[in-house]
Structures are given as structure tokens and as C-alpha cells.
Protein backbone atom coordinates (compact mmCIF):
# COMPACT_ATOMS: atom_id res chain seq x y z
CA MET A 1 0.00 0.00 0.00
CA GLY A 2 2.82 2.41 0.89
CA ILE A 3 4.69 1.51 -2.34
CA ARG A 4 1.56 2.16 -4.46
CA MET A 5 1.06 5.60 -2.86
CA SER A 6 4.71 6.50 -3.44
CA SER A 7 4.38 5.52 -7.14
CA ASN A 8 1.33 7.77 -7.58
CA ILE A 9 3.12 10.70 -6.03
CA PHE A 10 6.15 10.09 -8.23
CA LEU A 11 4.01 9.98 -11.39
CA ARG A 12 2.32 13.22 -10.43
CA ILE A 13 5.68 14.90 -9.94
CA ILE A 14 6.84 13.69 -13.36
CA LEU A 15 3.66 15.03 -15.00
CA VAL A 16 4.11 18.45 -13.33
CA VAL A 17 7.73 18.63 -14.53
CA ILE A 18 6.75 17.68 -18.08
CA LEU A 19 3.96 20.29 -18.10
CA ALA A 20 6.36 22.96 -16.83
CA LEU A 21 8.88 22.08 -19.56
CA VAL A 22 6.18 22.28 -22.25
CA ILE A 23 5.05 25.70 -21.02
CA PHE A 24 8.66 26.95 -20.89
CA PHE A 25 9.54 25.87 -24.42
CA CYS A 26 6.27 27.12 -25.88
CA THR A 27 6.77 30.51 -24.25
CA LYS A 28 10.38 30.73 -25.41
CA PHE A 29 9.49 29.73 -28.94
CA THR A 30 6.71 32.32 -29.12
CA THR A 31 8.94 35.06 -27.71
CA LEU A 32 11.76 34.28 -30.12
CA ARG A 33 9.33 34.26 -33.00
CA ASN A 34 8.03 37.66 -31.98
CA LEU A 35 11.56 39.00 -31.72
CA ARG A 36 12.60 37.89 -35.18
CA PRO A 37 13.80 40.87 -37.22
CA VAL A 38 11.30 42.17 -39.69
CA ARG A 39 12.48 41.60 -43.22
CA LYS A 40 13.34 44.97 -44.72
CA ASN A 41 11.72 46.05 -47.92
CA ASN A 42 14.16 48.37 -49.66
CA LYS A 43 11.96 48.92 -52.67
CA HIS A 44 10.84 52.41 -51.54
CA ILE A 45 14.07 53.62 -49.97
CA ALA A 46 16.61 52.94 -52.69
CA ASN A 47 16.78 56.71 -53.19
CA LEU A 48 16.99 58.64 -49.90
CA HIS A 49 16.11 61.93 -51.60
CA LEU A 50 12.47 63.10 -51.60
CA ASN A 51 11.09 65.61 -54.06
CA LEU A 52 8.83 68.27 -52.59
CA THR A 53 5.19 68.24 -53.63
CA PRO A 54 4.44 71.07 -56.11
CA SER A 55 2.97 74.12 -54.40
CA GLU A 56 -0.23 73.98 -56.46
CA LYS A 57 -1.01 70.65 -54.78
CA LEU A 58 -0.50 72.06 -51.29
CA THR A 59 -3.29 74.63 -51.29
CA PHE A 60 -5.01 72.63 -48.53
CA LEU A 61 -2.28 73.88 -46.19
CA SER A 62 -3.26 77.50 -46.81
CA PRO A 63 -6.19 78.97 -44.83
CA TYR A 64 -7.48 80.81 -47.91
CA GLY A 65 -6.64 78.18 -50.55
CA GLY A 66 -3.59 79.96 -51.93
CA SER A 67 0.01 78.86 -52.34
CA TRP A 68 1.65 77.52 -49.21
CA LEU A 69 5.00 79.19 -48.59
CA HIS A 70 6.79 76.36 -46.72
CA GLY A 71 7.18 78.79 -43.84
CA LYS A 72 9.21 81.25 -45.93
CA ASN A 73 8.66 85.01 -45.92
CA ASN A 74 8.01 85.35 -49.62
CA CYS A 75 4.27 85.83 -50.04
CA SER A 76 2.79 86.26 -53.49
CA CYS A 77 -0.22 88.53 -53.84
CA ASN A 78 -1.52 86.98 -57.02
CA ILE A 79 -4.98 85.70 -56.14
CA GLY A 80 -8.35 87.38 -55.86
CA LYS A 81 -9.28 90.97 -56.60
CA GLN A 82 -6.44 93.41 -56.01
CA TRP A 83 -6.19 97.05 -54.95
CA THR A 84 -3.15 99.03 -56.07
CA LEU A 85 -1.83 101.03 -53.15
CA LEU A 86 0.57 103.05 -55.30
CA ALA A 87 -2.08 104.54 -57.54
CA ALA A 88 -2.39 107.71 -55.44
CA TYR A 89 1.28 108.63 -55.81
CA ASP A 90 3.55 110.00 -58.48
CA SER A 91 6.15 107.39 -59.39
CA LYS A 92 8.96 109.87 -58.66
CA HIS A 93 8.01 109.78 -54.95
CA ILE A 94 7.98 105.99 -54.56
CA LEU A 95 11.69 105.62 -53.81
CA SER A 96 11.60 108.09 -50.92
CA ILE A 97 8.42 106.47 -49.56
CA GLU A 98 10.12 103.08 -49.70
CA LYS A 99 13.10 104.38 -47.70
CA ARG A 100 10.86 105.90 -45.05
CA ARG A 101 8.85 102.72 -44.76
CA LYS A 102 11.99 100.60 -44.36
CA LEU A 103 13.14 102.76 -41.44
CA GLN A 104 9.72 102.61 -39.79
CA TYR A 105 9.56 98.84 -40.29
CA GLU A 106 12.94 98.32 -38.63
CA GLN A 107 11.79 100.34 -35.64
CA HIS A 108 8.59 98.28 -35.50
CA LYS A 109 10.53 95.00 -35.45
CA LYS A 110 12.84 96.25 -32.72
CA ARG A 111 9.82 97.05 -30.53
CA ASN A 112 7.78 93.94 -31.23
CA GLU A 113 9.97 90.97 -32.11
CA SER A 114 10.72 88.55 -29.27
CA PRO A 115 13.70 86.21 -28.77
CA LEU A 116 11.08 83.47 -28.46
CA LYS A 117 10.62 83.54 -32.24
CA ASN A 118 13.87 81.54 -32.62
CA VAL A 119 13.39 77.78 -32.94
CA ILE A 120 15.03 75.68 -30.20
CA ILE A 121 15.74 72.03 -31.12
CA ALA A 122 16.07 69.54 -28.25
CA GLN A 123 18.97 67.08 -28.50
CA PRO A 124 18.14 63.35 -28.73
CA ASN A 125 18.97 61.19 -25.71
CA SER A 126 20.13 64.16 -23.66
CA PRO A 127 20.99 63.48 -19.99
CA LEU A 128 19.84 66.98 -19.07
CA SER A 129 16.61 67.86 -17.31
CA TYR A 130 15.41 71.45 -17.67
CA PRO A 131 12.17 73.46 -17.99
CA SER A 132 11.07 73.61 -21.62
CA ASN A 133 8.37 76.21 -21.07
CA GLY A 134 6.50 78.21 -18.45
CA VAL A 135 9.37 79.89 -16.58
CA GLU A 136 8.49 83.56 -16.05
CA VAL A 137 9.99 86.35 -13.98
CA MET A 138 9.05 90.01 -13.58
CA PRO A 139 11.61 92.64 -14.57
CA LEU A 140 14.50 92.99 -12.09
CA GLN A 141 13.07 90.23 -9.89
CA SER A 142 14.29 86.69 -9.13
CA ILE A 143 13.04 83.11 -9.35
CA VAL A 144 14.34 79.62 -8.58
CA ILE A 145 14.83 77.81 -11.90
CA PRO A 146 12.74 74.60 -11.70
CA GLY A 147 13.63 71.20 -13.10
CA LEU A 148 17.43 71.47 -13.54
CA GLY A 149 19.16 68.10 -13.30
CA VAL A 150 21.72 65.73 -14.82
CA PHE A 151 21.17 61.98 -15.30
CA ALA A 152 24.45 60.34 -16.34
CA SER A 153 26.57 57.27 -15.62
CA GLU A 154 29.31 57.28 -13.01
CA ARG A 155 32.22 59.65 -13.55
CA ARG A 156 35.09 61.01 -11.48
CA ASP A 157 33.73 64.57 -11.60
CA TYR A 158 30.61 66.26 -12.87
CA MET A 159 30.45 69.82 -14.20
CA VAL A 160 27.59 71.82 -15.73
CA LYS A 161 27.47 75.36 -17.10
CA LEU A 162 24.63 77.86 -17.23
CA LYS A 163 24.72 80.96 -19.46
CA ALA A 164 22.27 83.88 -19.77
CA THR A 165 22.23 87.17 -21.68
CA GLN A 166 19.83 89.38 -19.73
CA GLY A 167 20.16 88.09 -16.19
CA VAL A 168 22.49 86.56 -13.60
CA PHE A 169 22.60 83.34 -11.56
CA ASN A 170 22.76 82.83 -7.81
CA THR A 171 21.68 80.33 -5.18
CA ILE A 172 19.45 80.31 -2.11
CA ALA A 173 21.39 77.46 -0.49
CA GLU A 174 24.59 77.50 1.55
CA VAL A 175 26.93 75.59 -0.76
CA PRO A 176 30.55 74.61 0.11
CA GLU A 177 33.34 76.60 -1.54
CA GLY A 178 34.54 75.42 -4.93
CA VAL A 179 31.19 74.01 -6.03
CA LEU A 180 29.80 77.19 -7.60
CA ASN A 181 31.91 79.46 -9.76
CA GLY A 182 30.47 82.68 -11.21
CA LEU A 183 27.78 83.53 -8.66
CA GLY A 184 26.18 86.86 -9.48
CA GLY A 185 27.24 86.67 -13.12
CA LYS A 186 25.80 85.64 -16.48
CA GLU A 187 27.82 82.41 -16.51
CA LEU A 188 27.70 79.88 -13.68
CA THR A 189 29.67 76.64 -13.33
CA VAL A 190 28.63 73.87 -10.93
CA THR A 191 31.23 71.19 -10.11
CA SER A 192 31.02 68.14 -7.83
CA PRO A 193 32.39 64.59 -7.62
CA SER A 194 28.89 63.46 -6.57
CA LEU A 195 26.09 63.42 -9.11
CA GLU A 196 23.51 63.28 -6.34
CA PHE A 197 24.99 66.39 -4.66
CA LEU A 198 25.23 68.20 -8.02
CA ASN A 199 21.52 67.71 -8.60
CA ILE A 200 20.74 68.94 -5.08
CA VAL A 201 22.70 72.14 -5.77
CA LEU A 202 20.89 72.63 -9.11
CA LYS A 203 17.53 72.59 -7.29
CA TYR A 204 18.39 75.93 -5.63
CA ILE A 205 19.87 77.91 -8.54
CA THR A 206 18.18 81.29 -9.06
CA TYR A 207 17.85 83.62 -12.03
CA THR A 208 17.62 87.41 -11.58
CA SER A 209 16.50 89.74 -14.38
CA LYS A 210 18.90 92.66 -14.77
CA ILE A 211 17.36 94.63 -17.66
CA TYR A 212 14.05 96.39 -17.21
CA HIS A 213 11.79 95.36 -20.07
CA ILE A 214 8.06 94.77 -19.79
CA ASN A 215 7.89 91.92 -22.32
CA THR A 216 10.96 90.05 -23.52
CA ALA A 217 12.74 86.74 -22.97
CA ASP A 218 16.18 85.42 -22.07
CA ILE A 219 17.40 82.20 -23.71
CA VAL A 220 19.40 80.28 -21.08
CA SER A 221 22.04 77.73 -22.12
CA PHE A 222 22.52 74.60 -19.97
CA GLN A 223 25.56 72.39 -20.77
CA PHE A 224 27.05 69.12 -19.50
CA GLU A 225 30.07 67.78 -21.41
CA GLU A 226 29.07 67.67 -25.10
CA HIS A 227 25.37 67.87 -24.27
CA ALA A 228 23.78 71.32 -24.47
CA ALA A 229 20.22 72.59 -24.15
CA GLU A 230 18.47 75.93 -24.29
CA PHE A 231 15.30 77.07 -22.59
CA PRO A 232 13.47 80.41 -22.42
CA ILE A 233 12.82 82.52 -19.35
CA LEU A 234 10.02 84.97 -20.07
CA ILE A 235 10.60 88.43 -18.58
CA ARG A 236 7.23 90.13 -18.35
CA GLN A 237 5.56 92.83 -16.33
CA PRO A 238 1.93 91.73 -15.93
CA PRO A 239 -0.50 94.56 -16.67
CA MET A 240 -2.53 95.95 -13.82
CA PRO A 241 -6.04 94.48 -13.82
CA ARG A 242 -8.78 96.96 -14.67
CA LEU A 243 -11.92 95.72 -12.95
CA PHE A 244 -15.47 97.03 -13.19
CA ASP A 245 -18.13 96.62 -10.53
CA PRO A 246 -21.45 95.73 -12.21
CA GLY A 247 -23.33 96.11 -8.92
CA GLN A 248 -25.26 93.47 -7.04
CA ASP A 249 -27.98 93.22 -9.66
CA ARG A 250 -25.54 93.21 -12.62
CA ASP A 251 -27.60 95.88 -14.35
CA ILE A 252 -26.69 96.13 -18.04
CA ASN A 253 -26.72 99.94 -17.73
CA SER A 254 -23.70 99.75 -15.44
CA LEU A 255 -21.81 97.60 -17.94
CA VAL A 256 -22.62 99.05 -21.37
CA THR A 257 -22.51 102.55 -22.88
CA ILE A 258 -23.93 103.33 -26.33
CA THR A 259 -21.63 105.42 -28.55
CA THR A 260 -22.32 107.14 -31.86
CA LYS A 261 -21.17 110.00 -34.03
CA THR A 262 -23.39 112.57 -35.71
CA PHE A 263 -22.79 115.04 -38.51
CA LEU A 264 -25.53 117.43 -39.62
CA ARG A 265 -28.32 114.83 -39.50
CA TYR A 266 -29.93 115.60 -36.12
CA HIS A 267 -33.28 114.33 -37.37
CA LYS A 268 -31.74 110.86 -37.79
CA LEU A 269 -30.01 111.04 -34.42
CA ARG A 270 -33.22 111.88 -32.56
CA ILE A 271 -35.04 108.94 -34.14
CA LEU A 272 -32.19 106.66 -33.03
CA ILE A 273 -32.33 107.98 -29.45
CA ASP A 274 -36.11 107.56 -29.29
CA SER A 275 -35.80 103.92 -30.38
CA ILE A 276 -33.07 103.27 -27.79
CA ARG A 277 -35.21 104.72 -25.01
CA ARG A 278 -38.05 102.34 -25.83
CA PHE A 279 -35.90 99.41 -24.72
CA TYR A 280 -33.05 100.90 -22.65
CA PRO A 281 -34.34 104.06 -20.95
CA ASN A 282 -31.44 104.34 -18.49
CA MET A 283 -28.45 103.44 -20.64
CA THR A 284 -25.87 106.19 -21.20
CA ILE A 285 -25.55 107.48 -24.76
CA ILE A 286 -22.36 109.30 -25.80
CA ILE A 287 -22.49 111.43 -28.95
CA ALA A 288 -19.48 112.82 -30.80
CA ASP A 289 -20.64 115.78 -32.92
CA ASP A 290 -18.64 117.61 -35.60
CA SER A 291 -21.56 119.49 -37.15
CA GLU A 292 -20.98 123.09 -38.29
CA ILE A 293 -23.82 124.54 -36.22
CA PRO A 294 -24.34 122.19 -33.24
CA GLU A 295 -27.78 121.53 -31.83
CA LYS A 296 -28.10 120.66 -28.16
CA ILE A 297 -29.35 117.10 -27.61
CA GLU A 298 -31.40 117.09 -24.42
CA GLY A 299 -32.34 114.13 -22.26
CA PRO A 300 -31.26 112.03 -19.27
CA HIS A 301 -28.13 109.87 -19.56
CA ILE A 302 -26.99 111.68 -22.73
CA GLU A 303 -23.51 113.14 -23.16
CA GLN A 304 -22.78 115.27 -26.24
CA TYR A 305 -19.19 116.19 -27.12
CA LEU A 306 -18.52 118.86 -29.74
CA MET A 307 -15.67 118.70 -32.24
CA PRO A 308 -14.22 121.04 -34.87
CA PHE A 309 -16.36 121.16 -37.99
CA ALA A 310 -16.06 118.08 -40.25
CA LYS A 311 -13.24 116.66 -38.15
CA GLY A 312 -14.12 113.22 -39.37
CA TRP A 313 -15.56 109.79 -38.86
CA PHE A 314 -12.72 108.03 -37.05
CA ALA A 315 -11.83 111.10 -35.00
CA GLY A 316 -15.42 111.06 -33.73
CA ARG A 317 -15.19 107.37 -32.86
CA ASN A 318 -12.03 108.07 -30.86
CA LEU A 319 -13.67 110.89 -28.94
CA ALA A 320 -16.81 108.90 -28.12
CA ALA A 321 -14.85 105.82 -27.00
CA SER A 322 -12.49 107.91 -24.88
CA GLN A 323 -15.38 109.11 -22.69
CA VAL A 324 -16.80 105.66 -21.90
CA THR A 325 -16.44 104.63 -18.26
CA THR A 326 -18.18 101.25 -18.48
CA LYS A 327 -16.59 97.88 -19.20
CA TYR A 328 -18.18 97.68 -22.64
CA LEU A 329 -19.28 100.06 -25.36
CA LEU A 330 -21.83 99.53 -28.11
CA TRP A 331 -21.19 101.26 -31.42
CA VAL A 332 -24.19 102.30 -33.54
CA ASP A 333 -24.57 104.63 -36.52
CA GLU A 334 -26.79 107.67 -36.18
CA ASP A 335 -29.28 106.33 -38.75
CA PHE A 336 -29.91 102.99 -37.01
CA LEU A 337 -33.17 101.98 -35.34
CA PHE A 338 -33.55 99.70 -32.30
CA THR A 339 -36.28 97.04 -32.49
CA LYS A 340 -37.55 94.25 -30.24
CA ASP A 341 -34.81 92.05 -31.74
CA THR A 342 -32.02 94.40 -30.63
CA LYS A 343 -31.17 92.30 -27.59
CA LEU A 344 -28.00 93.79 -26.15
CA GLU A 345 -28.14 91.28 -23.31
CA LYS A 346 -27.20 88.50 -25.77
CA LEU A 347 -24.10 90.34 -26.94
CA LEU A 348 -23.17 91.08 -23.33
CA GLU A 349 -23.48 87.41 -22.42
CA VAL A 350 -21.08 86.47 -25.23
CA LEU A 351 -18.44 88.95 -24.08
CA GLU A 352 -18.83 88.03 -20.42
CA SER A 353 -18.56 84.28 -21.16
CA THR A 354 -15.75 84.18 -23.75
CA SER A 355 -12.37 85.74 -24.50
CA LEU A 356 -13.77 87.77 -27.42
CA ASP A 357 -12.94 91.48 -27.48
CA VAL A 358 -15.53 92.50 -30.08
CA VAL A 359 -18.83 90.90 -31.07
CA GLY A 360 -20.87 92.15 -34.00
CA ALA A 361 -24.47 91.48 -34.94
CA SER A 362 -26.79 91.96 -37.90
CA VAL A 363 -27.89 95.18 -39.63
CA ASN A 364 -30.90 94.69 -41.88
CA GLY A 365 -29.94 91.01 -42.03
CA ASN A 366 -26.39 91.82 -43.18
CA LYS A 367 -23.69 90.46 -40.87
CA PHE A 368 -20.78 91.79 -42.99
CA GLN A 369 -18.33 89.30 -41.53
CA PHE A 370 -14.89 89.11 -43.08
CA LYS A 371 -11.76 87.08 -42.40
CA LEU A 372 -8.23 88.47 -42.64
CA TRP A 373 -4.96 86.63 -43.20
CA TYR A 374 -1.59 88.33 -42.99
CA GLU A 375 1.54 86.86 -44.54
CA LYS A 376 5.08 88.17 -44.33
CA GLY A 377 6.92 89.01 -47.52
CA ASN A 378 10.41 90.24 -48.24
CA GLU A 379 11.52 93.53 -46.72
CA ASP A 380 11.61 95.37 -50.05
CA ASP A 381 8.13 94.53 -51.31
CA GLY A 382 6.27 94.30 -48.02
CA GLU A 383 3.58 91.95 -46.79
CA CYS A 384 0.35 90.44 -48.08
CA LEU A 385 -3.09 90.87 -46.56
CA PHE A 386 -5.95 88.67 -47.70
CA SER A 387 -9.64 89.19 -47.02
CA LYS A 388 -12.60 86.86 -47.51
CA PRO A 389 -16.25 87.06 -46.39
CA GLY A 390 -17.48 84.85 -43.56
CA GLY A 391 -16.15 83.39 -40.32
CA PHE A 392 -13.40 80.97 -39.37
CA HIS A 393 -15.49 78.60 -37.25
CA ALA A 394 -18.35 78.48 -34.75
CA LEU A 395 -17.92 80.10 -31.33
CA ASP A 396 -17.88 77.38 -28.70
CA GLY A 397 -21.03 77.47 -26.57
CA PHE A 398 -22.88 79.94 -28.81
CA PRO A 399 -24.42 78.22 -31.85
CA HIS A 400 -25.51 81.50 -33.46
CA CYS A 401 -22.02 83.01 -33.36
CA VAL A 402 -18.75 82.59 -35.27
CA VAL A 403 -15.16 83.75 -34.82
CA THR A 404 -14.04 86.14 -37.55
CA SER A 405 -11.78 89.20 -38.13
CA GLY A 406 -14.17 92.05 -38.84
CA VAL A 407 -17.86 92.85 -38.42
CA VAL A 408 -20.52 95.39 -39.37
CA ASN A 409 -20.91 98.89 -37.83
CA PHE A 410 -23.05 97.48 -35.03
CA PHE A 411 -20.87 95.85 -32.39
CA MET A 412 -20.28 95.58 -28.66
CA ALA A 413 -16.68 95.60 -27.45
CA ARG A 414 -14.42 95.77 -24.44
CA THR A 415 -13.73 99.47 -23.98
CA ALA A 416 -10.08 99.03 -23.00
CA LYS A 417 -9.33 96.92 -26.09
CA ILE A 418 -10.98 99.45 -28.41
CA LEU A 419 -8.90 102.23 -26.90
CA SER A 420 -5.71 100.16 -27.22
CA VAL A 421 -6.18 99.90 -31.00
CA GLY A 422 -7.82 103.25 -31.65
CA PHE A 423 -9.29 104.73 -34.83
CA ASP A 424 -6.88 106.44 -37.21
CA PRO A 425 -8.13 110.07 -37.37
CA ARG A 426 -6.64 110.51 -40.86
CA LEU A 427 -9.54 108.42 -42.13
CA ALA A 428 -12.15 111.14 -42.03
CA ARG A 429 -14.92 110.13 -44.44
CA ILE A 430 -15.04 106.48 -45.43
CA ALA A 431 -13.54 103.94 -43.03
CA HIS A 432 -14.53 100.84 -41.13
CA SER A 433 -12.54 97.77 -42.19
CA GLU A 434 -9.36 99.75 -41.53
CA PHE A 435 -10.02 99.56 -37.79
CA PHE A 436 -10.14 95.76 -37.86
CA ILE A 437 -7.03 95.65 -40.05
CA ASP A 438 -5.22 97.77 -37.44
CA GLY A 439 -6.56 95.44 -34.76
CA LEU A 440 -5.40 92.24 -36.45
CA GLY A 441 -3.39 90.33 -33.86
CA SER A 442 -4.77 92.45 -31.02
CA LEU A 443 -8.53 91.94 -31.23
CA LEU A 444 -10.39 88.63 -31.04
CA VAL A 445 -13.59 89.23 -32.97
CA GLY A 446 -16.89 87.36 -33.20
CA SER A 447 -20.24 87.82 -34.90
CA CYS A 448 -23.73 86.63 -33.91
CA ASN A 449 -26.76 86.41 -36.18
CA ASP A 450 -29.43 86.32 -33.45
CA VAL A 451 -29.21 90.03 -32.54
CA HIS A 452 -30.58 92.54 -35.04
CA ILE A 453 -30.79 96.25 -35.67
CA VAL A 454 -32.17 98.04 -38.75
CA HIS A 455 -31.50 101.18 -40.74
CA GLN A 456 -34.08 103.92 -40.61
CA LYS A 457 -36.28 103.95 -43.67
CA LYS A 458 -35.09 106.21 -46.43
CA GLU A 459 -38.01 108.53 -47.01
CA LYS A 460 -38.10 111.43 -49.39
CA GLN A 461 -37.87 114.58 -47.32
CA THR A 462 -40.72 117.06 -47.73
CA GLN A 463 -39.31 119.79 -45.51
CA GLU A 464 -36.98 122.09 -47.39
CA SER A 465 -34.66 122.39 -44.41
CA LEU A 466 -34.16 118.60 -44.21
CA LYS A 467 -33.70 118.40 -47.97
CA ALA A 468 -30.88 120.91 -47.65
CA VAL A 469 -29.31 118.95 -44.78
CA GLU A 470 -29.35 115.67 -46.71
CA LYS A 471 -27.96 117.36 -49.82
CA ARG A 472 -25.10 118.92 -47.90
CA TYR A 473 -24.43 115.68 -46.00
CA ALA A 474 -24.09 113.86 -49.33
CA THR A 475 -21.21 116.17 -50.33
CA PHE A 476 -19.23 114.88 -47.35
CA ARG A 477 -20.28 111.28 -47.82
CA HIS A 478 -17.45 110.23 -50.13
CA ALA A 479 -13.70 110.53 -49.74
CA ASN A 480 -11.98 113.35 -51.57
CA LYS A 481 -8.57 113.00 -53.21
CA GLY A 482 -6.77 113.96 -50.00
CA GLN A 483 -8.61 111.30 -48.01
CA PHE A 484 -7.92 108.72 -50.72
CA LYS A 485 -4.22 109.58 -50.58
CA SER A 486 -4.26 109.39 -46.78
CA GLN A 487 -5.83 105.93 -46.85
CA HIS A 488 -3.20 104.67 -49.25
CA SER A 489 -0.29 106.22 -47.36
CA VAL A 490 -1.44 104.43 -44.21
CA ALA A 491 -1.67 101.12 -46.07
CA ILE A 492 1.70 101.57 -47.78
CA LEU A 493 3.49 102.30 -44.52
CA ASN A 494 1.82 99.36 -42.79
CA LEU A 495 1.99 96.77 -45.57
CA GLY A 496 4.47 97.76 -48.26
CA LEU A 497 4.68 99.00 -51.80
CA VAL A 498 3.23 96.14 -53.82
CA LEU A 499 -0.43 95.24 -54.38
CA LEU A 500 -1.14 94.11 -50.87
CA LEU A 501 -4.80 94.45 -49.93
CA PHE A 502 -6.86 91.62 -51.42
CA SER A 503 -10.33 90.23 -51.47
CA VAL A 504 -10.47 86.48 -52.05
CA THR A 505 -13.88 85.50 -53.37
């Protein structure tokens, strides 16, 4: 009986061993099979040179369907309808204009270009740890540089170097002599026989800005043996917040001011004001007036500011906007008419809920949205500006709104942003799109089709006095030669000397 039990146990042990061996060999065979090198197919890589796809096949990379420039500053203004900016000038003056523009453009670049525009390529398999983004210091102040470290194999000694151009290095730790060389300078060397101690020292290295600039960057170099890295430290003075108290009830009248400009046509202005008071009886209305013989506009919450005669359209916009004390302003023309669909609360909600600076609406069903694209060209010919109707895409959270570049003459905007761009007072008669061109890169613009305003009906005047007013107003309606020249001089200085303002249909 004992022998039989021993035999059964022995057989079981043998079976377990055999099963284990089977599992082992199956696993090994499968692993080896998976690790077999993939057979290379050299059919497609016999020639290591790739030809670039022709530019006419890369139009999908351009936002407006034009030629893609491969990132080069060599735009070609050869699509769509073109406006010649040089037409207002005698050819003998072009050379001097070009020289003046070049000087102005160099000054512009010096003020606006940032060191961050340079591309920084990270080395492969680098043993260095460093912050790639997000390090910021205020002018003349200090920070501890986060994330510095070295991860290398064992050596007799370890040494790293830090270099800056606009600041100096220091430490907040008490470090033994001989470890740090160059404290208080633009170049700092850290040396230690212990990698662990070196990394502890790097945790407490500080950077101090030494040049007062409100918005620039220092590119710091970090080196260990043949390995080198660069990372930016943003030097920026944050702007002071400008906050507005809407009151406990968040009354729209404490947040929005209506602005307009009038010239001669007081009968239109009074109709506009009457329509506003039907829906917003307590909202402040600011009027810029450059009429020859001013008429006093009476009424509560109305401010009328007088200007020199025929000073101009954009000058009036500047004056009206400059007197606004609320967070937002609403621009309307003097011949508009508020209706039950002129819901300013909807525009206010958009601005309060998004990062938009300007939101337009609909005038007589016309949204007049247009998109702008700016491309850099060579320094001699200037840049290219493209325009196309419509919006870029829907505004998240607001199905009736889109993001665009410019809108119609009925818009609500953040007062501070409007003042930061301003309206060029040289544009006295005909101007609107020019404001959004000047604001490109500064203003985030949207447009909503669920808020409406209308123009006052054009009725034939029966009163002789009003007939005379309309007739005289019409003589100022269109730009004269001087205004036309002014518009083109502004565009030439801003864009260049070639055909640069385009409408892509």
C-alpha cells in the first residue's frame, strides 16, 4: 500500500515537470518568433532623396486656398481681386516712400519681435533635465529655476554650465566653496564629484532679471560635457487688472454705454435715441458731434461732445470711445433703429462668457463678416493681406455666433481693447474695415446672427430744411482726393509698396 502511494506521487511529480517544460519551451518559442527581425523592404528607400510636392497641390495647407510658402517670408499677392496702393502717388516719390517705410519697419521689429521667435531644437537622448516652457519672472526680480538636473553614468567629476544674456545666476542654499563658480554673473559653473549632490545644488539655482523690459525673454544655455540645451525665461511685467463693478444686480446699464457720431443729421439722431429709449431708458448714450452749427441734444443719460467742424468719422469714434467709463461700449450709426430684436443682453453674455474682445451682430440682415490673413513678404516689397467674407469657425457654446476678423458697424466691445487699438483720425470720411485691419493680432472678434438692428427707412424729405441737410451731408459722404491719398499712405506704410490688400472671393 505504501509503495503504491509513493508511485502515484512520483508519477504526479513527473507530470508536473513535463507540463512545466512544455510551457517553458512554448513561451520561449513564441517570444523568439516575436523577436525575429522584420524583413526589410528596400523597394521604396533605394533613393533617400524626396522631391517636394508642387505648391499647387498644397493649397489645402493655406487657410485661404492659396500657395503655401513652406514657412518662408516670400508671399505672393496673385490671387483674388487686387487694390493698387501706389495709384495715389507719383512714381517719382515711390523711392523716398520706400526708404521711409523701411526705417519705420525696422523700428517696428525692434519694438515687437521677441527672442522666443527663434526655434530651439532639443537634443536626442540628452541626460539633461530642464524646464522647456512656463518659466516667467518680472523685470529685475528673481526666481528659482525649476527642473534642472543631470542623469548620467558614473564619472570622477561632474560639471555643468549655465549661461544667460539678460540676467544673472545665484543660489538660495549655503553651498561649500569650490562648487559654484560665477555667482552673481551671467555664466555659472557647478562642479562636484557626486552626481547626487550636483543635482541637489541645481535645485536651488536662481535667475535674476537685470534689464528692465516689460515683455521680452532670455534664452538660457545649460551644458554638461558635449550635451547642451536651451530654454526660455520669459521676462514680463503683468499689466494691472482693470476691474469694473457691475453692482449686485448686474444691471446692463452699469456695464454698457452706447456710442455714436453725428454730422448734420440731427433728425436721424433723434429717431435713433427715441428707439433706444423704448428698450433701454437708463443706458448712457455718448455722442461725438462735428456738425458746423451744433444743436443741443437734451435728455437724461446723454452726453454730447462737440468737435471742430467736419473733423471726421474716425476722430469722432475716438472721442466717443475715450469718454466711456463702463466695461463695454456699443457702437451704432446715427441712422440705425432699435427694435424688439435688438437684444444687447445677448451680446453682453457672449463677451462676459468668452475671450472675445468684439462681437458684432446683424444690420438689416447683413452680418458683414470678413476674415483676414496676414503673410510676411520680403523687406523690399512688403507683406500680403488677404480678405474673404465669412467666419473661421463656430464660437464654442454659442451656436448662433462665429469667430471672424471684422464685423458690421453694429458691435459691442471691451472698452479698454478698443482704446488700445484706436481709430486712425486721418480716415475722415469712409472707413470701417481699416479699424479691424489695425486690430489684427490684437482683437479677437466674433459675430452673432441672433441680434438685429435696422437702418431707418429712407423717405423722401418734404421739408426744405431737411432736404438741404441731406444734400449737404451727401457732399461729405465720399472721400476726396486727399482722403484717398491718406488711406493709401497708411496702407503703404503698414503693408508695403506692392499690391497688398486683397479680397479672395
